[in-house]
């Protein structure tokens, strides 16, 4: 009978370990989902900033070309 009781303790400990592992796995999945969400928001912000920088760069080029053309026309 003593071995039956010992077997039950091992089984209970195993069940407890399994339950703890499932809890840790669930916590890890929630953390991963939160990180993925943050990365998605960061990526969107980076894309927005890049688009804005490209637009500003095009505006500067257009302004420079207009100034060059105006200067060339004025010297003729």
Protein backbone atom coordinates (compact mmCIF):
# COMPACT_ATOMS: atom_id res chain seq x y z
CA UNK A 1 0.00 0.00 0.00
CA UNK A 2 2.86 2.34 0.64
CA UNK A 3 3.91 2.12 -2.98
CA UNK A 4 0.38 3.07 -4.11
CA UNK A 5 0.51 6.20 -1.98
CA UNK A 6 3.94 7.06 -3.33
CA UNK A 7 2.68 6.56 -6.88
CA UNK A 8 -0.21 8.92 -6.22
CA UNK A 9 2.18 11.58 -4.92
CA UNK A 10 4.32 11.24 -8.04
CA UNK A 11 1.21 11.47 -10.22
CA UNK A 12 -0.06 14.51 -8.30
CA UNK A 13 3.35 16.17 -8.56
CA UNK A 14 3.42 15.39 -12.27
CA UNK A 15 -0.06 16.89 -12.70
CA UNK A 16 1.02 19.99 -10.78
CA UNK A 17 4.14 20.33 -12.93
CA UNK A 18 2.05 19.94 -16.07
CA UNK A 19 -0.44 22.57 -14.89
CA UNK A 20 2.40 24.96 -14.06
CA UNK A 21 3.97 24.37 -17.48
CA UNK A 22 0.63 25.14 -19.16
CA UNK A 23 0.31 28.35 -17.14
CA UNK A 24 3.83 29.42 -18.10
CA UNK A 25 3.16 28.57 -21.73
CA UNK A 26 -0.01 30.64 -21.67
CA UNK A 27 1.85 33.56 -20.10
CA UNK A 28 4.56 33.27 -22.74
CA UNK A 29 1.98 33.30 -25.52
CA UNK A 30 0.35 36.43 -24.09
CA UNK A 31 3.75 38.12 -23.85
CA UNK A 32 4.57 37.14 -27.43
CA UNK A 33 1.23 38.50 -28.65
CA UNK A 34 1.81 41.79 -26.83
CA UNK A 35 5.31 42.10 -28.30
CA UNK A 36 4.02 41.33 -31.78
CA UNK A 37 1.38 44.03 -31.39
CA UNK A 38 3.99 46.56 -30.28
CA UNK A 39 6.26 45.65 -33.19
CA UNK A 40 3.38 46.05 -35.64
CA UNK A 41 2.66 49.54 -34.28
CA UNK A 42 6.36 50.43 -34.45
CA UNK A 43 6.60 49.18 -38.02
CA UNK A 44 3.60 51.30 -39.02
CA UNK A 45 5.17 54.37 -37.40
CA UNK A 46 8.49 53.72 -39.18
CA UNK A 47 6.67 53.38 -42.51
CA UNK A 48 4.85 56.64 -41.82
CA UNK A 49 8.11 58.45 -40.97
CA UNK A 50 9.86 57.07 -44.06
CA UNK A 51 7.01 58.19 -46.31
CA UNK A 52 7.09 61.64 -44.72
CA UNK A 53 10.87 61.89 -45.16
CA UNK A 54 10.62 60.82 -48.81
CA UNK A 55 7.90 63.39 -49.44
CA UNK A 56 9.97 66.14 -47.83
CA UNK A 57 13.00 65.09 -49.86
CA UNK A 58 10.97 65.32 -53.07
CA UNK A 59 9.72 68.77 -52.05
CA UNK A 60 13.29 69.94 -51.43
CA UNK A 61 14.39 68.62 -54.84
CA UNK A 62 11.46 70.36 -56.52
CA UNK A 63 12.27 73.62 -54.74
CA UNK A 64 15.96 73.33 -55.70
CA UNK A 65 15.10 72.63 -59.34
CA UNK A 66 12.68 75.57 -59.45
CA UNK A 67 15.34 77.85 -57.99
CA UNK A 68 17.92 76.58 -60.51
CA UNK A 69 15.55 77.08 -63.42
CA UNK A 70 14.60 80.57 -62.24
CA UNK A 71 18.25 81.52 -61.87
CA UNK A 72 19.10 80.21 -65.35
CA UNK A 73 16.19 82.05 -66.93
CA UNK A 74 17.07 85.28 -65.15
CA UNK A 75 20.64 85.26 -66.50
CA UNK A 76 19.52 85.02 -70.13
